[in-house]
């Protein structure tokens, strides 16, 4: 339910993908 701009901004930079990859593994 987070605002869409937060997801959009975080997906532009490497921290979010790195965290997602760590969490999913």
PDBML (XML) file of the C-alpha atoms, coordinates in Angstrom:
<?xml version="1.0" encoding="UTF-8" ?>
<PDBx:datablock datablockName="MODEL"
   xmlns:PDBx="http://pdbml.pdb.org/schema/pdbx-v50.xsd"
   xmlns:xsi="http://www.w3.org/2001/XMLSchema-instance"
   xsi:schemaLocation="http://pdbml.pdb.org/schema/pdbx-v50.xsd pdbx-v50.xsd">
   <PDBx:atom_siteCategory>
      <PDBx:atom_site id="1">
         <PDBx:B_iso_or_equiv>0.00</PDBx:B_iso_or_equiv>
         <PDBx:Cartn_x>0.000</PDBx:Cartn_x>
         <PDBx:Cartn_y>0.000</PDBx:Cartn_y>
         <PDBx:Cartn_z>0.000</PDBx:Cartn_z>
         <PDBx:auth_asym_id>A</PDBx:auth_asym_id>
         <PDBx:auth_atom_id>CA</PDBx:auth_atom_id>
         <PDBx:auth_comp_id>UNK</PDBx:auth_comp_id>
         <PDBx:auth_seq_id>1</PDBx:auth_seq_id>
         <PDBx:group_PDB>ATOM</PDBx:group_PDB>
         <PDBx:label_alt_id xsi:nil="true" />
         <PDBx:label_asym_id>A</PDBx:label_asym_id>
         <PDBx:label_atom_id>CA</PDBx:label_atom_id>
         <PDBx:label_comp_id>UNK</PDBx:label_comp_id>
         <PDBx:label_entity_id>1</PDBx:label_entity_id>
         <PDBx:label_seq_id>1</PDBx:label_seq_id>
         <PDBx:occupancy>1.00</PDBx:occupancy>
         <PDBx:pdbx_PDB_model_num>1</PDBx:pdbx_PDB_model_num>
         <PDBx:type_symbol>C</PDBx:type_symbol>
      </PDBx:atom_site>
      <PDBx:atom_site id="2">
         <PDBx:B_iso_or_equiv>0.00</PDBx:B_iso_or_equiv>
         <PDBx:Cartn_x>3.034</PDBx:Cartn_x>
         <PDBx:Cartn_y>2.307</PDBx:Cartn_y>
         <PDBx:Cartn_z>-0.203</PDBx:Cartn_z>
         <PDBx:auth_asym_id>A</PDBx:auth_asym_id>
         <PDBx:auth_atom_id>CA</PDBx:auth_atom_id>
         <PDBx:auth_comp_id>UNK</PDBx:auth_comp_id>
         <PDBx:auth_seq_id>2</PDBx:auth_seq_id>
         <PDBx:group_PDB>ATOM</PDBx:group_PDB>
         <PDBx:label_alt_id xsi:nil="true" />
         <PDBx:label_asym_id>A</PDBx:label_asym_id>
         <PDBx:label_atom_id>CA</PDBx:label_atom_id>
         <PDBx:label_comp_id>UNK</PDBx:label_comp_id>
         <PDBx:label_entity_id>1</PDBx:label_entity_id>
         <PDBx:label_seq_id>2</PDBx:label_seq_id>
         <PDBx:occupancy>1.00</PDBx:occupancy>
         <PDBx:pdbx_PDB_model_num>1</PDBx:pdbx_PDB_model_num>
         <PDBx:type_symbol>C</PDBx:type_symbol>
      </PDBx:atom_site>
      <PDBx:atom_site id="3">
         <PDBx:B_iso_or_equiv>0.00</PDBx:B_iso_or_equiv>
         <PDBx:Cartn_x>2.776</PDBx:Cartn_x>
         <PDBx:Cartn_y>5.305</PDBx:Cartn_y>
         <PDBx:Cartn_z>-2.567</PDBx:Cartn_z>
         <PDBx:auth_asym_id>A</PDBx:auth_asym_id>
         <PDBx:auth_atom_id>CA</PDBx:auth_atom_id>
         <PDBx:auth_comp_id>UNK</PDBx:auth_comp_id>
         <PDBx:auth_seq_id>3</PDBx:auth_seq_id>
         <PDBx:group_PDB>ATOM</PDBx:group_PDB>
         <PDBx:label_alt_id xsi:nil="true" />
         <PDBx:label_asym_id>A</PDBx:label_asym_id>
         <PDBx:label_atom_id>CA</PDBx:label_atom_id>
         <PDBx:label_comp_id>UNK</PDBx:label_comp_id>
         <PDBx:label_entity_id>1</PDBx:label_entity_id>
         <PDBx:label_seq_id>3</PDBx:label_seq_id>
         <PDBx:occupancy>1.00</PDBx:occupancy>
         <PDBx:pdbx_PDB_model_num>1</PDBx:pdbx_PDB_model_num>
         <PDBx:type_symbol>C</PDBx:type_symbol>
      </PDBx:atom_site>
      <PDBx:atom_site id="4">
         <PDBx:B_iso_or_equiv>0.00</PDBx:B_iso_or_equiv>
         <PDBx:Cartn_x>3.680</PDBx:Cartn_x>
         <PDBx:Cartn_y>4.431</PDBx:Cartn_y>
         <PDBx:Cartn_z>-6.119</PDBx:Cartn_z>
         <PDBx:auth_asym_id>A</PDBx:auth_asym_id>
         <PDBx:auth_atom_id>CA</PDBx:auth_atom_id>
         <PDBx:auth_comp_id>UNK</PDBx:auth_comp_id>
         <PDBx:auth_seq_id>4</PDBx:auth_seq_id>
         <PDBx:group_PDB>ATOM</PDBx:group_PDB>
         <PDBx:label_alt_id xsi:nil="true" />
         <PDBx:label_asym_id>A</PDBx:label_asym_id>
         <PDBx:label_atom_id>CA</PDBx:label_atom_id>
         <PDBx:label_comp_id>UNK</PDBx:label_comp_id>
         <PDBx:label_entity_id>1</PDBx:label_entity_id>
         <PDBx:label_seq_id>4</PDBx:label_seq_id>
         <PDBx:occupancy>1.00</PDBx:occupancy>
         <PDBx:pdbx_PDB_model_num>1</PDBx:pdbx_PDB_model_num>
         <PDBx:type_symbol>C</PDBx:type_symbol>
      </PDBx:atom_site>
      <PDBx:atom_site id="5">
         <PDBx:B_iso_or_equiv>0.00</PDBx:B_iso_or_equiv>
         <PDBx:Cartn_x>6.420</PDBx:Cartn_x>
         <PDBx:Cartn_y>7.059</PDBx:Cartn_y>
         <PDBx:Cartn_z>-6.324</PDBx:Cartn_z>
         <PDBx:auth_asym_id>A</PDBx:auth_asym_id>
         <PDBx:auth_atom_id>CA</PDBx:auth_atom_id>
         <PDBx:auth_comp_id>UNK</PDBx:auth_comp_id>
         <PDBx:auth_seq_id>5</PDBx:auth_seq_id>
         <PDBx:group_PDB>ATOM</PDBx:group_PDB>
         <PDBx:label_alt_id xsi:nil="true" />
         <PDBx:label_asym_id>A</PDBx:label_asym_id>
         <PDBx:label_atom_id>CA</PDBx:label_atom_id>
         <PDBx:label_comp_id>UNK</PDBx:label_comp_id>
         <PDBx:label_entity_id>1</PDBx:label_entity_id>
         <PDBx:label_seq_id>5</PDBx:label_seq_id>
         <PDBx:occupancy>1.00</PDBx:occupancy>
         <PDBx:pdbx_PDB_model_num>1</PDBx:pdbx_PDB_model_num>
         <PDBx:type_symbol>C</PDBx:type_symbol>
      </PDBx:atom_site>
      <PDBx:atom_site id="6">
         <PDBx:B_iso_or_equiv>0.00</PDBx:B_iso_or_equiv>
         <PDBx:Cartn_x>8.369</PDBx:Cartn_x>
         <PDBx:Cartn_y>5.290</PDBx:Cartn_y>
         <PDBx:Cartn_z>-3.577</PDBx:Cartn_z>
         <PDBx:auth_asym_id>A</PDBx:auth_asym_id>
         <PDBx:auth_atom_id>CA</PDBx:auth_atom_id>
         <PDBx:auth_comp_id>UNK</PDBx:auth_comp_id>
         <PDBx:auth_seq_id>6</PDBx:auth_seq_id>
         <PDBx:group_PDB>ATOM</PDBx:group_PDB>
         <PDBx:label_alt_id xsi:nil="true" />
         <PDBx:label_asym_id>A</PDBx:label_asym_id>
         <PDBx:label_atom_id>CA</PDBx:label_atom_id>
         <PDBx:label_comp_id>UNK</PDBx:label_comp_id>
         <PDBx:label_entity_id>1</PDBx:label_entity_id>
         <PDBx:label_seq_id>6</PDBx:label_seq_id>
         <PDBx:occupancy>1.00</PDBx:occupancy>
         <PDBx:pdbx_PDB_model_num>1</PDBx:pdbx_PDB_model_num>
         <PDBx:type_symbol>C</PDBx:type_symbol>
      </PDBx:atom_site>
      <PDBx:atom_site id="7">
         <PDBx:B_iso_or_equiv>0.00</PDBx:B_iso_or_equiv>
         <PDBx:Cartn_x>8.426</PDBx:Cartn_x>
         <PDBx:Cartn_y>2.051</PDBx:Cartn_y>
         <PDBx:Cartn_z>-5.529</PDBx:Cartn_z>
         <PDBx:auth_asym_id>A</PDBx:auth_asym_id>
         <PDBx:auth_atom_id>CA</PDBx:auth_atom_id>
         <PDBx:auth_comp_id>UNK</PDBx:auth_comp_id>
         <PDBx:auth_seq_id>7</PDBx:auth_seq_id>
         <PDBx:group_PDB>ATOM</PDBx:group_PDB>
         <PDBx:label_alt_id xsi:nil="true" />
         <PDBx:label_asym_id>A</PDBx:label_asym_id>
         <PDBx:label_atom_id>CA</PDBx:label_atom_id>
         <PDBx:label_comp_id>UNK</PDBx:label_comp_id>
         <PDBx:label_entity_id>1</PDBx:label_entity_id>
         <PDBx:label_seq_id>7</PDBx:label_seq_id>
         <PDBx:occupancy>1.00</PDBx:occupancy>
         <PDBx:pdbx_PDB_model_num>1</PDBx:pdbx_PDB_model_num>
         <PDBx:type_symbol>C</PDBx:type_symbol>
      </PDBx:atom_site>
      <PDBx:atom_site id="8">
         <PDBx:B_iso_or_equiv>0.00</PDBx:B_iso_or_equiv>
         <PDBx:Cartn_x>9.220</PDBx:Cartn_x>
         <PDBx:Cartn_y>3.896</PDBx:Cartn_y>
         <PDBx:Cartn_z>-8.742</PDBx:Cartn_z>
         <PDBx:auth_asym_id>A</PDBx:auth_asym_id>
         <PDBx:auth_atom_id>CA</PDBx:auth_atom_id>
         <PDBx:auth_comp_id>UNK</PDBx:auth_comp_id>
         <PDBx:auth_seq_id>8</PDBx:auth_seq_id>
         <PDBx:group_PDB>ATOM</PDBx:group_PDB>
         <PDBx:label_alt_id xsi:nil="true" />
         <PDBx:label_asym_id>A</PDBx:label_asym_id>
         <PDBx:label_atom_id>CA</PDBx:label_atom_id>
         <PDBx:label_comp_id>UNK</PDBx:label_comp_id>
         <PDBx:label_entity_id>1</PDBx:label_entity_id>
         <PDBx:label_seq_id>8</PDBx:label_seq_id>
         <PDBx:occupancy>1.00</PDBx:occupancy>
         <PDBx:pdbx_PDB_model_num>1</PDBx:pdbx_PDB_model_num>
         <PDBx:type_symbol>C</PDBx:type_symbol>
      </PDBx:atom_site>
      <PDBx:atom_site id="9">
         <PDBx:B_iso_or_equiv>0.00</PDBx:B_iso_or_equiv>
         <PDBx:Cartn_x>12.153</PDBx:Cartn_x>
         <PDBx:Cartn_y>5.809</PDBx:Cartn_y>
         <PDBx:Cartn_z>-7.273</PDBx:Cartn_z>
         <PDBx:auth_asym_id>A</PDBx:auth_asym_id>
         <PDBx:auth_atom_id>CA</PDBx:auth_atom_id>
         <PDBx:auth_comp_id>UNK</PDBx:auth_comp_id>
         <PDBx:auth_seq_id>9</PDBx:auth_seq_id>
         <PDBx:group_PDB>ATOM</PDBx:group_PDB>
         <PDBx:label_alt_id xsi:nil="true" />
         <PDBx:label_asym_id>A</PDBx:label_asym_id>
         <PDBx:label_atom_id>CA</PDBx:label_atom_id>
         <PDBx:label_comp_id>UNK</PDBx:label_comp_id>
         <PDBx:label_entity_id>1</PDBx:label_entity_id>
         <PDBx:label_seq_id>9</PDBx:label_seq_id>
         <PDBx:occupancy>1.00</PDBx:occupancy>
         <PDBx:pdbx_PDB_model_num>1</PDBx:pdbx_PDB_model_num>
         <PDBx:type_symbol>C</PDBx:type_symbol>
      </PDBx:atom_site>
      <PDBx:atom_site id="10">
         <PDBx:B_iso_or_equiv>0.00</PDBx:B_iso_or_equiv>
         <PDBx:Cartn_x>13.603</PDBx:Cartn_x>
         <PDBx:Cartn_y>2.818</PDBx:Cartn_y>
         <PDBx:Cartn_z>-5.392</PDBx:Cartn_z>
         <PDBx:auth_asym_id>A</PDBx:auth_asym_id>
         <PDBx:auth_atom_id>CA</PDBx:auth_atom_id>
         <PDBx:auth_comp_id>UNK</PDBx:auth_comp_id>
         <PDBx:auth_seq_id>10</PDBx:auth_seq_id>
         <PDBx:group_PDB>ATOM</PDBx:group_PDB>
         <PDBx:label_alt_id xsi:nil="true" />
         <PDBx:label_asym_id>A</PDBx:label_asym_id>
         <PDBx:label_atom_id>CA</PDBx:label_atom_id>
         <PDBx:label_comp_id>UNK</PDBx:label_comp_id>
         <PDBx:label_entity_id>1</PDBx:label_entity_id>
         <PDBx:label_seq_id>10</PDBx:label_seq_id>
         <PDBx:occupancy>1.00</PDBx:occupancy>
         <PDBx:pdbx_PDB_model_num>1</PDBx:pdbx_PDB_model_num>
         <PDBx:type_symbol>C</PDBx:type_symbol>
      </PDBx:atom_site>
      <PDBx:atom_site id="11">
         <PDBx:B_iso_or_equiv>0.00</PDBx:B_iso_or_equiv>
         <PDBx:Cartn_x>13.497</PDBx:Cartn_x>
         <PDBx:Cartn_y>0.647</PDBx:Cartn_y>
         <PDBx:Cartn_z>-8.510</PDBx:Cartn_z>
         <PDBx:auth_asym_id>A</PDBx:auth_asym_id>
         <PDBx:auth_atom_id>CA</PDBx:auth_atom_id>
         <PDBx:auth_comp_id>UNK</PDBx:auth_comp_id>
         <PDBx:auth_seq_id>11</PDBx:auth_seq_id>
         <PDBx:group_PDB>ATOM</PDBx:group_PDB>
         <PDBx:label_alt_id xsi:nil="true" />
         <PDBx:label_asym_id>A</PDBx:label_asym_id>
         <PDBx:label_atom_id>CA</PDBx:label_atom_id>
         <PDBx:label_comp_id>UNK</PDBx:label_comp_id>
         <PDBx:label_entity_id>1</PDBx:label_entity_id>
         <PDBx:label_seq_id>11</PDBx:label_seq_id>
         <PDBx:occupancy>1.00</PDBx:occupancy>
         <PDBx:pdbx_PDB_model_num>1</PDBx:pdbx_PDB_model_num>
         <PDBx:type_symbol>C</PDBx:type_symbol>
      </PDBx:atom_site>
      <PDBx:atom_site id="12">
         <PDBx:B_iso_or_equiv>0.00</PDBx:B_iso_or_equiv>
         <PDBx:Cartn_x>15.696</PDBx:Cartn_x>
         <PDBx:Cartn_y>3.140</PDBx:Cartn_y>
         <PDBx:Cartn_z>-10.365</PDBx:Cartn_z>
         <PDBx:auth_asym_id>A</PDBx:auth_asym_id>
         <PDBx:auth_atom_id>CA</PDBx:auth_atom_id>
         <PDBx:auth_comp_id>UNK</PDBx:auth_comp_id>
         <PDBx:auth_seq_id>12</PDBx:auth_seq_id>
         <PDBx:group_PDB>ATOM</PDBx:group_PDB>
         <PDBx:label_alt_id xsi:nil="true" />
         <PDBx:label_asym_id>A</PDBx:label_asym_id>
         <PDBx:label_atom_id>CA</PDBx:label_atom_id>
         <PDBx:label_comp_id>UNK</PDBx:label_comp_id>
         <PDBx:label_entity_id>1</PDBx:label_entity_id>
         <PDBx:label_seq_id>12</PDBx:label_seq_id>
         <PDBx:occupancy>1.00</PDBx:occupancy>
         <PDBx:pdbx_PDB_model_num>1</PDBx:pdbx_PDB_model_num>
         <PDBx:type_symbol>C</PDBx:type_symbol>
      </PDBx:atom_site>
      <PDBx:atom_site id="13">
         <PDBx:B_iso_or_equiv>0.00</PDBx:B_iso_or_equiv>
         <PDBx:Cartn_x>18.644</PDBx:Cartn_x>
         <PDBx:Cartn_y>2.564</PDBx:Cartn_y>
         <PDBx:Cartn_z>-8.023</PDBx:Cartn_z>
         <PDBx:auth_asym_id>A</PDBx:auth_asym_id>
         <PDBx:auth_atom_id>CA</PDBx:auth_atom_id>
         <PDBx:auth_comp_id>UNK</PDBx:auth_comp_id>
         <PDBx:auth_seq_id>13</PDBx:auth_seq_id>
         <PDBx:group_PDB>ATOM</PDBx:group_PDB>
         <PDBx:label_alt_id xsi:nil="true" />
         <PDBx:label_asym_id>A</PDBx:label_asym_id>
         <PDBx:label_atom_id>CA</PDBx:label_atom_id>
         <PDBx:label_comp_id>UNK</PDBx:label_comp_id>
         <PDBx:label_entity_id>1</PDBx:label_entity_id>
         <PDBx:label_seq_id>13</PDBx:label_seq_id>
         <PDBx:occupancy>1.00</PDBx:occupancy>
         <PDBx:pdbx_PDB_model_num>1</PDBx:pdbx_PDB_model_num>
         <PDBx:type_symbol>C</PDBx:type_symbol>
      </PDBx:atom_site>
      <PDBx:atom_site id="14">
         <PDBx:B_iso_or_equiv>0.00</PDBx:B_iso_or_equiv>
         <PDBx:Cartn_x>20.595</PDBx:Cartn_x>
         <PDBx:Cartn_y>-0.554</PDBx:Cartn_y>
         <PDBx:Cartn_z>-7.033</PDBx:Cartn_z>
         <PDBx:auth_asym_id>A</PDBx:auth_asym_id>
         <PDBx:auth_atom_id>CA</PDBx:auth_atom_id>
         <PDBx:auth_comp_id>UNK</PDBx:auth_comp_id>
         <PDBx:auth_seq_id>14</PDBx:auth_seq_id>
         <PDBx:group_PDB>ATOM</PDBx:group_PDB>
         <PDBx:label_alt_id xsi:nil="true" />
         <PDBx:label_asym_id>A</PDBx:label_asym_id>
         <PDBx:label_atom_id>CA</PDBx:label_atom_id>
         <PDBx:label_comp_id>UNK</PDBx:label_comp_id>
         <PDBx:label_entity_id>1</PDBx:label_entity_id>
         <PDBx:label_seq_id>14</PDBx:label_seq_id>
         <PDBx:occupancy>1.00</PDBx:occupancy>
         <PDBx:pdbx_PDB_model_num>1</PDBx:pdbx_PDB_model_num>
         <PDBx:type_symbol>C</PDBx:type_symbol>
      </PDBx:atom_site>
      <PDBx:atom_site id="15">
         <PDBx:B_iso_or_equiv>0.00</PDBx:B_iso_or_equiv>
         <PDBx:Cartn_x>19.689</PDBx:Cartn_x>
         <PDBx:Cartn_y>-0.764</PDBx:Cartn_y>
         <PDBx:Cartn_z>-3.323</PDBx:Cartn_z>
         <PDBx:auth_asym_id>A</PDBx:auth_asym_id>
         <PDBx:auth_atom_id>CA</PDBx:auth_atom_id>
         <PDBx:auth_comp_id>UNK</PDBx:auth_comp_id>
         <PDBx:auth_seq_id>15</PDBx:auth_seq_id>
         <PDBx:group_PDB>ATOM</PDBx:group_PDB>
         <PDBx:label_alt_id xsi:nil="true" />
         <PDBx:label_asym_id>A</PDBx:label_asym_id>
         <PDBx:label_atom_id>CA</PDBx:label_atom_id>
         <PDBx:label_comp_id>UNK</PDBx:label_comp_id>
         <PDBx:label_entity_id>1</PDBx:label_entity_id>
         <PDBx:label_seq_id>15</PDBx:label_seq_id>
         <PDBx:occupancy>1.00</PDBx:occupancy>
         <PDBx:pdbx_PDB_model_num>1</PDBx:pdbx_PDB_model_num>
         <PDBx:type_symbol>C</PDBx:type_symbol>
      </PDBx:atom_site>
      <PDBx:atom_site id="16">
         <PDBx:B_iso_or_equiv>0.00</PDBx:B_iso_or_equiv>
         <PDBx:Cartn_x>16.154</PDBx:Cartn_x>
         <PDBx:Cartn_y>-2.112</PDBx:Cartn_y>
         <PDBx:Cartn_z>-3.812</PDBx:Cartn_z>
         <PDBx:auth_asym_id>A</PDBx:auth_asym_id>
         <PDBx:auth_atom_id>CA</PDBx:auth_atom_id>
         <PDBx:auth_comp_id>UNK</PDBx:auth_comp_id>
         <PDBx:auth_seq_id>16</PDBx:auth_seq_id>
         <PDBx:group_PDB>ATOM</PDBx:group_PDB>
         <PDBx:label_alt_id xsi:nil="true" />
         <PDBx:label_asym_id>A</PDBx:label_asym_id>
         <PDBx:label_atom_id>CA</PDBx:label_atom_id>
         <PDBx:label_comp_id>UNK</PDBx:label_comp_id>
         <PDBx:label_entity_id>1</PDBx:label_entity_id>
         <PDBx:label_seq_id>16</PDBx:label_seq_id>
         <PDBx:occupancy>1.00</PDBx:occupancy>
         <PDBx:pdbx_PDB_model_num>1</PDBx:pdbx_PDB_model_num>
         <PDBx:type_symbol>C</PDBx:type_symbol>
      </PDBx:atom_site>
      <PDBx:atom_site id="17">
         <PDBx:B_iso_or_equiv>0.00</PDBx:B_iso_or_equiv>
         <PDBx:Cartn_x>17.076</PDBx:Cartn_x>
         <PDBx:Cartn_y>-4.782</PDBx:Cartn_y>
         <PDBx:Cartn_z>-6.402</PDBx:Cartn_z>
         <PDBx:auth_asym_id>A</PDBx:auth_asym_id>
         <PDBx:auth_atom_id>CA</PDBx:auth_atom_id>
         <PDBx:auth_comp_id>UNK</PDBx:auth_comp_id>
         <PDBx:auth_seq_id>17</PDBx:auth_seq_id>
         <PDBx:group_PDB>ATOM</PDBx:group_PDB>
         <PDBx:label_alt_id xsi:nil="true" />
         <PDBx:label_asym_id>A</PDBx:label_asym_id>
         <PDBx:label_atom_id>CA</PDBx:label_atom_id>
         <PDBx:label_comp_id>UNK</PDBx:label_comp_id>
         <PDBx:label_entity_id>1</PDBx:label_entity_id>
         <PDBx:label_seq_id>17</PDBx:label_seq_id>
         <PDBx:occupancy>1.00</PDBx:occupancy>
         <PDBx:pdbx_PDB_model_num>1</PDBx:pdbx_PDB_model_num>
         <PDBx:type_symbol>C</PDBx:type_symbol>
      </PDBx:atom_site>
      <PDBx:atom_site id="18">
         <PDBx:B_iso_or_equiv>0.00</PDBx:B_iso_or_equiv>
         <PDBx:Cartn_x>19.998</PDBx:Cartn_x>
         <PDBx:Cartn_y>-5.854</PDBx:Cartn_y>
         <PDBx:Cartn_z>-4.214</PDBx:Cartn_z>
         <PDBx:auth_asym_id>A</PDBx:auth_asym_id>
         <PDBx:auth_atom_id>CA</PDBx:auth_atom_id>
         <PDBx:auth_comp_id>UNK</PDBx:auth_comp_id>
         <PDBx:auth_seq_id>18</PDBx:auth_seq_id>
         <PDBx:group_PDB>ATOM</PDBx:group_PDB>
         <PDBx:label_alt_id xsi:nil="true" />
         <PDBx:label_asym_id>A</PDBx:label_asym_id>
         <PDBx:label_atom_id>CA</PDBx:label_atom_id>
         <PDBx:label_comp_id>UNK</PDBx:label_comp_id>
         <PDBx:label_entity_id>1</PDBx:label_entity_id>
         <PDBx:label_seq_id>18</PDBx:label_seq_id>
         <PDBx:occupancy>1.00</PDBx:occupancy>
         <PDBx:pdbx_PDB_model_num>1</PDBx:pdbx_PDB_model_num>
         <PDBx:type_symbol>C</PDBx:type_symbol>
      </PDBx:atom_site>
      <PDBx:atom_site id="19">
         <PDBx:B_iso_or_equiv>0.00</PDBx:B_iso_or_equiv>
         <PDBx:Cartn_x>17.785</PDBx:Cartn_x>
         <PDBx:Cartn_y>-6.162</PDBx:Cartn_y>
         <PDBx:Cartn_z>-1.152</PDBx:Cartn_z>
         <PDBx:auth_asym_id>A</PDBx:auth_asym_id>
         <PDBx:auth_atom_id>CA</PDBx:auth_atom_id>
         <PDBx:auth_comp_id>UNK</PDBx:auth_comp_id>
         <PDBx:auth_seq_id>19</PDBx:auth_seq_id>
         <PDBx:group_PDB>ATOM</PDBx:group_PDB>
         <PDBx:label_alt_id xsi:nil="true" />
         <PDBx:label_asym_id>A</PDBx:label_asym_id>
         <PDBx:label_atom_id>CA</PDBx:label_atom_id>
         <PDBx:label_comp_id>UNK</PDBx:label_comp_id>
         <PDBx:label_entity_id>1</PDBx:label_entity_id>
         <PDBx:label_seq_id>19</PDBx:label_seq_id>
         <PDBx:occupancy>1.00</PDBx:occupancy>
         <PDBx:pdbx_PDB_model_num>1</PDBx:pdbx_PDB_model_num>
         <PDBx:type_symbol>C</PDBx:type_symbol>
      </PDBx:atom_site>
      <PDBx:atom_site id="20">
         <PDBx:B_iso_or_equiv>0.00</PDBx:B_iso_or_equiv>
         <PDBx:Cartn_x>15.100</PDBx:Cartn_x>
         <PDBx:Cartn_y>-8.034</PDBx:Cartn_y>
         <PDBx:Cartn_z>-3.118</PDBx:Cartn_z>
         <PDBx:auth_asym_id>A</PDBx:auth_asym_id>
         <PDBx:auth_atom_id>CA</PDBx:auth_atom_id>
         <PDBx:auth_comp_id>UNK</PDBx:auth_comp_id>
         <PDBx:auth_seq_id>20</PDBx:auth_seq_id>
         <PDBx:group_PDB>ATOM</PDBx:group_PDB>
         <PDBx:label_alt_id xsi:nil="true" />
         <PDBx:label_asym_id>A</PDBx:label_asym_id>
         <PDBx:label_atom_id>CA</PDBx:label_atom_id>
         <PDBx:label_comp_id>UNK</PDBx:label_comp_id>
         <PDBx:label_entity_id>1</PDBx:label_entity_id>
         <PDBx:label_seq_id>20</PDBx:label_seq_id>
         <PDBx:occupancy>1.00</PDBx:occupancy>
         <PDBx:pdbx_PDB_model_num>1</PDBx:pdbx_PDB_model_num>
         <PDBx:type_symbol>C</PDBx:type_symbol>
      </PDBx:atom_site>
      <PDBx:atom_site id="21">
         <PDBx:B_iso_or_equiv>0.00</PDBx:B_iso_or_equiv>
         <PDBx:Cartn_x>17.699</PDBx:Cartn_x>
         <PDBx:Cartn_y>-10.482</PDBx:Cartn_y>
         <PDBx:Cartn_z>-4.461</PDBx:Cartn_z>
         <PDBx:auth_asym_id>A</PDBx:auth_asym_id>
         <PDBx:auth_atom_id>CA</PDBx:auth_atom_id>
         <PDBx:auth_comp_id>UNK</PDBx:auth_comp_id>
         <PDBx:auth_seq_id>21</PDBx:auth_seq_id>
         <PDBx:group_PDB>ATOM</PDBx:group_PDB>
         <PDBx:label_alt_id xsi:nil="true" />
         <PDBx:label_asym_id>A</PDBx:label_asym_id>
         <PDBx:label_atom_id>CA</PDBx:label_atom_id>
         <PDBx:label_comp_id>UNK</PDBx:label_comp_id>
         <PDBx:label_entity_id>1</PDBx:label_entity_id>
         <PDBx:label_seq_id>21</PDBx:label_seq_id>
         <PDBx:occupancy>1.00</PDBx:occupancy>
         <PDBx:pdbx_PDB_model_num>1</PDBx:pdbx_PDB_model_num>
         <PDBx:type_symbol>C</PDBx:type_symbol>
      </PDBx:atom_site>
      <PDBx:atom_site id="22">
         <PDBx:B_iso_or_equiv>0.00</PDBx:B_iso_or_equiv>
         <PDBx:Cartn_x>19.086</PDBx:Cartn_x>
         <PDBx:Cartn_y>-11.048</PDBx:Cartn_y>
         <PDBx:Cartn_z>-0.955</PDBx:Cartn_z>
         <PDBx:auth_asym_id>A</PDBx:auth_asym_id>
         <PDBx:auth_atom_id>CA</PDBx:auth_atom_id>
         <PDBx:auth_comp_id>UNK</PDBx:auth_comp_id>
         <PDBx:auth_seq_id>22</PDBx:auth_seq_id>
         <PDBx:group_PDB>ATOM</PDBx:group_PDB>
         <PDBx:label_alt_id xsi:nil="true" />
         <PDBx:label_asym_id>A</PDBx:label_asym_id>
         <PDBx:label_atom_id>CA</PDBx:label_atom_id>
         <PDBx:label_comp_id>UNK</PDBx:label_comp_id>
         <PDBx:label_entity_id>1</PDBx:label_entity_id>
         <PDBx:label_seq_id>22</PDBx:label_seq_id>
         <PDBx:occupancy>1.00</PDBx:occupancy>
         <PDBx:pdbx_PDB_model_num>1</PDBx:pdbx_PDB_model_num>
         <PDBx:type_symbol>C</PDBx:type_symbol>
      </PDBx:atom_site>
      <PDBx:atom_site id="23">
         <PDBx:B_iso_or_equiv>0.00</PDBx:B_iso_or_equiv>
         <PDBx:Cartn_x>15.635</PDBx:Cartn_x>
         <PDBx:Cartn_y>-11.518</PDBx:Cartn_y>
         <PDBx:Cartn_z>0.563</PDBx:Cartn_z>
         <PDBx:auth_asym_id>A</PDBx:auth_asym_id>
         <PDBx:auth_atom_id>CA</PDBx:auth_atom_id>
         <PDBx:auth_comp_id>UNK</PDBx:auth_comp_id>
         <PDBx:auth_seq_id>23</PDBx:auth_seq_id>
         <PDBx:group_PDB>ATOM</PDBx:group_PDB>
         <PDBx:label_alt_id xsi:nil="true" />
         <PDBx:label_asym_id>A</PDBx:label_asym_id>
         <PDBx:label_atom_id>CA</PDBx:label_atom_id>
         <PDBx:label_comp_id>UNK</PDBx:label_comp_id>
         <PDBx:label_entity_id>1</PDBx:label_entity_id>
         <PDBx:label_seq_id>23</PDBx:label_seq_id>
         <PDBx:occupancy>1.00</PDBx:occupancy>
         <PDBx:pdbx_PDB_model_num>1</PDBx:pdbx_PDB_model_num>
         <PDBx:type_symbol>C</PDBx:type_symbol>
      </PDBx:atom_site>
      <PDBx:atom_site id="24">
         <PDBx:B_iso_or_equiv>0.00</PDBx:B_iso_or_equiv>
         <PDBx:Cartn_x>14.336</PDBx:Cartn_x>
         <PDBx:Cartn_y>-13.869</PDBx:Cartn_y>
         <PDBx:Cartn_z>-2.136</PDBx:Cartn_z>
         <PDBx:auth_asym_id>A</PDBx:auth_asym_id>
         <PDBx:auth_atom_id>CA</PDBx:auth_atom_id>
         <PDBx:auth_comp_id>UNK</PDBx:auth_comp_id>
         <PDBx:auth_seq_id>24</PDBx:auth_seq_id>
         <PDBx:group_PDB>ATOM</PDBx:group_PDB>
         <PDBx:label_alt_id xsi:nil="true" />
         <PDBx:label_asym_id>A</PDBx:label_asym_id>
         <PDBx:label_atom_id>CA</PDBx:label_atom_id>
         <PDBx:label_comp_id>UNK</PDBx:label_comp_id>
         <PDBx:label_entity_id>1</PDBx:label_entity_id>
         <PDBx:label_seq_id>24</PDBx:label_seq_id>
         <PDBx:occupancy>1.00</PDBx:occupancy>
         <PDBx:pdbx_PDB_model_num>1</PDBx:pdbx_PDB_model_num>
         <PDBx:type_symbol>C</PDBx:type_symbol>
      </PDBx:atom_site>
      <PDBx:atom_site id="25">
         <PDBx:B_iso_or_equiv>0.00</PDBx:B_iso_or_equiv>
         <PDBx:Cartn_x>17.454</PDBx:Cartn_x>
         <PDBx:Cartn_y>-16.037</PDBx:Cartn_y>
         <PDBx:Cartn_z>-1.918</PDBx:Cartn_z>
         <PDBx:auth_asym_id>A</PDBx:auth_asym_id>
         <PDBx:auth_atom_id>CA</PDBx:auth_atom_id>
         <PDBx:auth_comp_id>UNK</PDBx:auth_comp_id>
         <PDBx:auth_seq_id>25</PDBx:auth_seq_id>
         <PDBx:group_PDB>ATOM</PDBx:group_PDB>
         <PDBx:label_alt_id xsi:nil="true" />
         <PDBx:label_asym_id>A</PDBx:label_asym_id>
         <PDBx:label_atom_id>CA</PDBx:label_atom_id>
         <PDBx:label_comp_id>UNK</PDBx:label_comp_id>
         <PDBx:label_entity_id>1</PDBx:label_entity_id>
         <PDBx:label_seq_id>25</PDBx:label_seq_id>
         <PDBx:occupancy>1.00</PDBx:occupancy>
         <PDBx:pdbx_PDB_model_num>1</PDBx:pdbx_PDB_model_num>
         <PDBx:type_symbol>C</PDBx:type_symbol>
      </PDBx:atom_site>
   </PDBx:atom_siteCategory>
</PDBx:datablock>
